[in-house]
């Protein structure tokens, strides 16, 4: 594959894009774990009493 004189730019752009996508996937994974922990904590709390 010949990318011509712009090979460094093209490969750099693909590399940067891969890093951004991996970062988004990692963030989603970590956020899901945090949300599950928060939901489990809320499920253990007693239900609030209604207003009168």
PDB file of N, CA and C in Angstrom:
ATOM      1  N   UNK A   1       0.858  -1.171   0.000  1.00  0.00           N
ATOM      2  CA  UNK A   1       0.000   0.000   0.000  1.00  0.00           C
ATOM      3  C   UNK A   1       0.901   1.230   0.000  1.00  0.00           C
ATOM      4  N   UNK A   2       0.683   2.090  -0.951  1.00  0.00           N
ATOM      5  CA  UNK A   2       1.467   3.313  -1.054  1.00  0.00           C
ATOM      6  C   UNK A   2       0.594   4.488  -0.637  1.00  0.00           C
ATOM      7  N   UNK A   3       0.947   5.107   0.468  1.00  0.00           N
ATOM      8  CA  UNK A   3       0.172   6.246   0.959  1.00  0.00           C
ATOM      9  C   UNK A   3       0.731   7.570   0.474  1.00  0.00           C
ATOM     10  N   UNK A   4       1.802   7.526  -0.235  1.00  0.00           N
ATOM     11  CA  UNK A   4       2.373   8.733  -0.808  1.00  0.00           C
ATOM     12  C   UNK A   4       3.079   9.590   0.222  1.00  0.00           C
ATOM     13  N   UNK A   5       3.250  10.856  -0.097  1.00  0.00           N
ATOM     14  CA  UNK A   5       4.002  11.747   0.780  1.00  0.00           C
ATOM     15  C   UNK A   5       3.264  12.094   2.073  1.00  0.00           C
ATOM     16  N   UNK A   6       2.010  11.744   2.158  1.00  0.00           N
ATOM     17  CA  UNK A   6       1.226  12.088   3.350  1.00  0.00           C
ATOM     18  C   UNK A   6       1.037  10.898   4.280  1.00  0.00           C
ATOM     19  N   UNK A   7       1.867   9.894   4.150  1.00  0.00           N
ATOM     20  CA  UNK A   7       1.728   8.661   4.937  1.00  0.00           C
ATOM     21  C   UNK A   7       1.774   8.945   6.433  1.00  0.00           C
ATOM     22  N   UNK A   8       2.678   9.788   6.869  1.00  0.00           N
ATOM     23  CA  UNK A   8       2.801  10.065   8.304  1.00  0.00           C
ATOM     24  C   UNK A   8       1.520  10.702   8.841  1.00  0.00           C
ATOM     25  N   UNK A   9       0.956  11.632   8.083  1.00  0.00           N
ATOM     26  CA  UNK A   9      -0.278  12.285   8.511  1.00  0.00           C
ATOM     27  C   UNK A   9      -1.429  11.284   8.559  1.00  0.00           C
ATOM     28  N   UNK A  10      -1.554  10.458   7.535  1.00  0.00           N
ATOM     29  CA  UNK A  10      -2.651   9.493   7.466  1.00  0.00           C
ATOM     30  C   UNK A  10      -2.546   8.480   8.602  1.00  0.00           C
ATOM     31  N   UNK A  11      -1.369   7.917   8.799  1.00  0.00           N
ATOM     32  CA  UNK A  11      -1.193   6.933   9.869  1.00  0.00           C
ATOM     33  C   UNK A  11      -1.360   7.580  11.240  1.00  0.00           C
ATOM     34  N   UNK A  12      -0.896   8.805  11.392  1.00  0.00           N
ATOM     35  CA  UNK A  12      -1.094   9.531  12.652  1.00  0.00           C
ATOM     36  C   UNK A  12      -2.563   9.778  12.940  1.00  0.00           C
ATOM     37  N   UNK A  13      -3.310  10.119  11.902  1.00  0.00           N
ATOM     38  CA  UNK A  13      -4.746  10.362  12.076  1.00  0.00           C
ATOM     39  C   UNK A  13      -5.460   9.076  12.483  1.00  0.00           C
ATOM     40  N   UNK A  14      -5.111   7.970  11.839  1.00  0.00           N
ATOM     41  CA  UNK A  14      -5.710   6.686  12.218  1.00  0.00           C
ATOM     42  C   UNK A  14      -5.325   6.309  13.653  1.00  0.00           C
ATOM     43  N   UNK A  15      -4.078   6.530  14.021  1.00  0.00           N
ATOM     44  CA  UNK A  15      -3.627   6.222  15.376  1.00  0.00           C
ATOM     45  C   UNK A  15      -4.345   7.063  16.415  1.00  0.00           C
ATOM     46  N   UNK A  16      -4.475   8.359  16.140  1.00  0.00           N
ATOM     47  CA  UNK A  16      -5.171   9.254  17.061  1.00  0.00           C
ATOM     48  C   UNK A  16      -6.636   8.848  17.199  1.00  0.00           C
ATOM     49  N   UNK A  17      -7.264   8.517  16.088  1.00  0.00           N
ATOM     50  CA  UNK A  17      -8.661   8.094  16.114  1.00  0.00           C
ATOM     51  C   UNK A  17      -8.827   6.826  16.931  1.00  0.00           C
ATOM     52  N   UNK A  18      -7.911   5.885  16.782  1.00  0.00           N
ATOM     53  CA  UNK A  18      -7.966   4.644  17.558  1.00  0.00           C
ATOM     54  C   UNK A  18      -7.842   4.944  19.050  1.00  0.00           C
ATOM     55  N   UNK A  19      -6.946   5.861  19.410  1.00  0.00           N
ATOM     56  CA  UNK A  19      -6.784   6.225  20.824  1.00  0.00           C
ATOM     57  C   UNK A  19      -8.049   6.868  21.380  1.00  0.00           C
ATOM     58  N   UNK A  20      -8.674   7.731  20.603  1.00  0.00           N
ATOM     59  CA  UNK A  20      -9.903   8.391  21.056  1.00  0.00           C
ATOM     60  C   UNK A  20     -11.011   7.359  21.259  1.00  0.00           C
ATOM     61  N   UNK A  21     -11.159   6.436  20.313  1.00  0.00           N
ATOM     62  CA  UNK A  21     -12.203   5.417  20.435  1.00  0.00           C
ATOM     63  C   UNK A  21     -11.932   4.519  21.630  1.00  0.00           C
ATOM     64  N   UNK A  22     -10.688   4.113  21.825  1.00  0.00           N
ATOM     65  CA  UNK A  22     -10.357   3.295  22.999  1.00  0.00           C
ATOM     66  C   UNK A  22     -10.632   4.053  24.292  1.00  0.00           C
ATOM     67  N   UNK A  23     -10.347   5.347  24.314  1.00  0.00           N
ATOM     68  CA  UNK A  23     -10.638   6.161  25.491  1.00  0.00           C
ATOM     69  C   UNK A  23     -12.124   6.238  25.776  1.00  0.00           C
ATOM     70  N   UNK A  24     -12.932   6.379  24.730  1.00  0.00           N
ATOM     71  CA  UNK A  24     -14.383   6.424  24.916  1.00  0.00           C
ATOM     72  C   UNK A  24     -14.930   5.093  25.424  1.00  0.00           C
ATOM     73  N   UNK A  25     -14.407   3.996  24.903  1.00  0.00           N
ATOM     74  CA  UNK A  25     -14.841   2.676  25.360  1.00  0.00           C
ATOM     75  C   UNK A  25     -14.445   2.468  26.821  1.00  0.00           C
ATOM     76  N   UNK A  26     -13.226   2.852  27.173  1.00  0.00           N
ATOM     77  CA  UNK A  26     -12.774   2.710  28.562  1.00  0.00           C
ATOM     78  C   UNK A  26     -13.619   3.576  29.493  1.00  0.00           C
ATOM     79  N   UNK A  27     -13.930   4.794  29.076  1.00  0.00           N
ATOM     80  CA  UNK A  27     -14.761   5.675  29.896  1.00  0.00           C
ATOM     81  C   UNK A  27     -16.148   5.076  30.097  1.00  0.00           C
ATOM     82  N   UNK A  28     -16.731   4.539  29.044  1.00  0.00           N
ATOM     83  CA  UNK A  28     -18.061   3.931  29.153  1.00  0.00           C
ATOM     84  C   UNK A  28     -18.024   2.733  30.099  1.00  0.00           C
ATOM     85  N   UNK A  29     -16.984   1.918  30.008  1.00  0.00           N
ATOM     86  CA  UNK A  29     -16.851   0.760  30.879  1.00  0.00           C
ATOM     87  C   UNK A  29     -16.723   1.185  32.342  1.00  0.00           C
ATOM     88  N   UNK A  30     -15.859   2.151  32.614  1.00  0.00           N
ATOM     89  CA  UNK A  30     -15.665   2.614  33.994  1.00  0.00           C
ATOM     90  C   UNK A  30     -16.919   3.305  34.527  1.00  0.00           C
ATOM     91  N   UNK A  31     -17.601   4.082  33.683  1.00  0.00           N
ATOM     92  CA  UNK A  31     -18.816   4.759  34.114  1.00  0.00           C
ATOM     93  C   UNK A  31     -19.920   3.752  34.414  1.00  0.00           C
ATOM     94  N   UNK A  32     -20.008   2.689  33.623  1.00  0.00           N
ATOM     95  CA  UNK A  32     -21.024   1.667  33.893  1.00  0.00           C
ATOM     96  C   UNK A  32     -20.790   1.025  35.261  1.00  0.00           C
ATOM     97  N   UNK A  33     -19.537   0.723  35.564  1.00  0.00           N
ATOM     98  CA  UNK A  33     -19.224   0.135  36.877  1.00  0.00           C
ATOM     99  C   UNK A  33     -19.606   1.093  37.998  1.00  0.00           C
ATOM    100  N   UNK A  34     -19.313   2.376  37.826  1.00  0.00           N
ATOM    101  CA  UNK A  34     -19.650   3.367  38.855  1.00  0.00           C
ATOM    102  C   UNK A  34     -21.159   3.480  39.022  1.00  0.00           C
ATOM    103  N   UNK A  35     -21.901   3.477  37.908  1.00  0.00           N
ATOM    104  CA  UNK A  35     -23.356   3.577  37.981  1.00  0.00           C
ATOM    105  C   UNK A  35     -23.963   2.342  38.639  1.00  0.00           C
ATOM    106  N   UNK A  36     -23.416   1.163  38.368  1.00  0.00           N
ATOM    107  CA  UNK A  36     -23.924  -0.056  39.006  1.00  0.00           C
ATOM    108  C   UNK A  36     -23.688  -0.025  40.514  1.00  0.00           C
ATOM    109  N   UNK A  37     -22.513   0.485  40.930  1.00  0.00           N
ATOM    110  CA  UNK A  37     -22.243   0.602  42.367  1.00  0.00           C
ATOM    111  C   UNK A  37     -23.201   1.589  43.019  1.00  0.00           C
ATOM    112  N   UNK A  38     -23.444   2.715  42.350  1.00  0.00           N
ATOM    113  CA  UNK A  38     -24.364   3.716  42.910  1.00  0.00           C
ATOM    114  C   UNK A  38     -25.778   3.159  42.992  1.00  0.00           C
ATOM    115  N   UNK A  39     -26.202   2.425  41.990  1.00  0.00           N
ATOM    116  CA  UNK A  39     -27.533   1.840  41.994  1.00  0.00           C
ATOM    117  C   UNK A  39     -27.666   0.796  43.099  1.00  0.00           C
ATOM    118  N   UNK A  40     -26.631  -0.005  43.312  1.00  0.00           N
ATOM    119  CA  UNK A  40     -26.660  -1.001  44.387  1.00  0.00           C
ATOM    120  C   UNK A  40     -26.748  -0.312  45.746  1.00  0.00           C
ATOM    121  N   UNK A  41     -26.025   0.810  45.893  1.00  0.00           N
ATOM    122  CA  UNK A  41     -26.074   1.559  47.151  1.00  0.00           C
ATOM    123  C   UNK A  41     -27.471   2.120  47.382  1.00  0.00           C
ATOM    124  N   UNK A  42     -28.087   2.645  46.336  1.00  0.00           N
ATOM    125  CA  UNK A  42     -29.436   3.192  46.479  1.00  0.00           C
ATOM    126  C   UNK A  42     -30.457   2.098  46.775  1.00  0.00           C
ATOM    127  N   UNK A  43     -30.260   0.926  46.225  1.00  0.00           N
ATOM    128  CA  UNK A  43     -31.201  -0.177  46.441  1.00  0.00           C
ATOM    129  C   UNK A  43     -31.171  -0.654  47.890  1.00  0.00           C
ATOM    130  N   UNK A  44     -30.058  -0.441  48.582  1.00  0.00           N
ATOM    131  CA  UNK A  44     -29.937  -0.877  49.975  1.00  0.00           C
ATOM    132  C   UNK A  44     -30.517   0.136  50.951  1.00  0.00           C
ATOM    133  N   UNK A  45     -30.714   1.375  50.525  1.00  0.00           N
ATOM    134  CA  UNK A  45     -31.247   2.400  51.412  1.00  0.00           C
ATOM    135  C   UNK A  45     -32.737   2.181  51.611  1.00  0.00           C
ATOM    136  N   UNK A  46     -33.243   2.554  52.774  1.00  0.00           N
ATOM    137  CA  UNK A  46     -34.695   2.454  52.975  1.00  0.00           C
ATOM    138  C   UNK A  46     -35.435   3.446  52.083  1.00  0.00           C
ATOM    139  N   UNK A  47     -36.648   3.092  51.716  1.00  0.00           N
ATOM    140  CA  UNK A  47     -37.451   3.956  50.860  1.00  0.00           C
ATOM    141  C   UNK A  47     -37.827   5.223  51.623  1.00  0.00           C
ATOM    142  N   UNK A  48     -37.783   6.382  50.963  1.00  0.00           N
ATOM    143  CA  UNK A  48     -38.155   7.627  51.647  1.00  0.00           C
ATOM    144  C   UNK A  48     -39.665   7.648  51.897  1.00  0.00           C
ATOM    145  N   UNK A  49     -40.030   8.287  53.002  1.00  0.00           N
ATOM    146  CA  UNK A  49     -41.450   8.407  53.326  1.00  0.00           C
ATOM    147  C   UNK A  49     -42.054   9.522  52.510  1.00  0.00           C
ATOM    148  N   UNK A  50     -43.316   9.386  52.161  1.00  0.00           N
ATOM    149  CA  UNK A  50     -44.009  10.390  51.367  1.00  0.00           C
ATOM    150  C   UNK A  50     -44.297  11.650  52.150  1.00  0.00           C
ATOM    151  N   UNK A  51     -44.522  12.746  51.454  1.00  0.00           N
ATOM    152  CA  UNK A  51     -44.860  14.024  52.097  1.00  0.00           C
ATOM    153  C   UNK A  51     -46.321  14.019  52.480  1.00  0.00           C
ATOM    154  N   UNK A  52     -46.615  14.788  53.496  1.00  0.00           N
ATOM    155  CA  UNK A  52     -48.014  14.947  53.944  1.00  0.00           C
ATOM    156  C   UNK A  52     -48.446  16.354  53.798  1.00  0.00           C
TER     157      UNK A  52
END
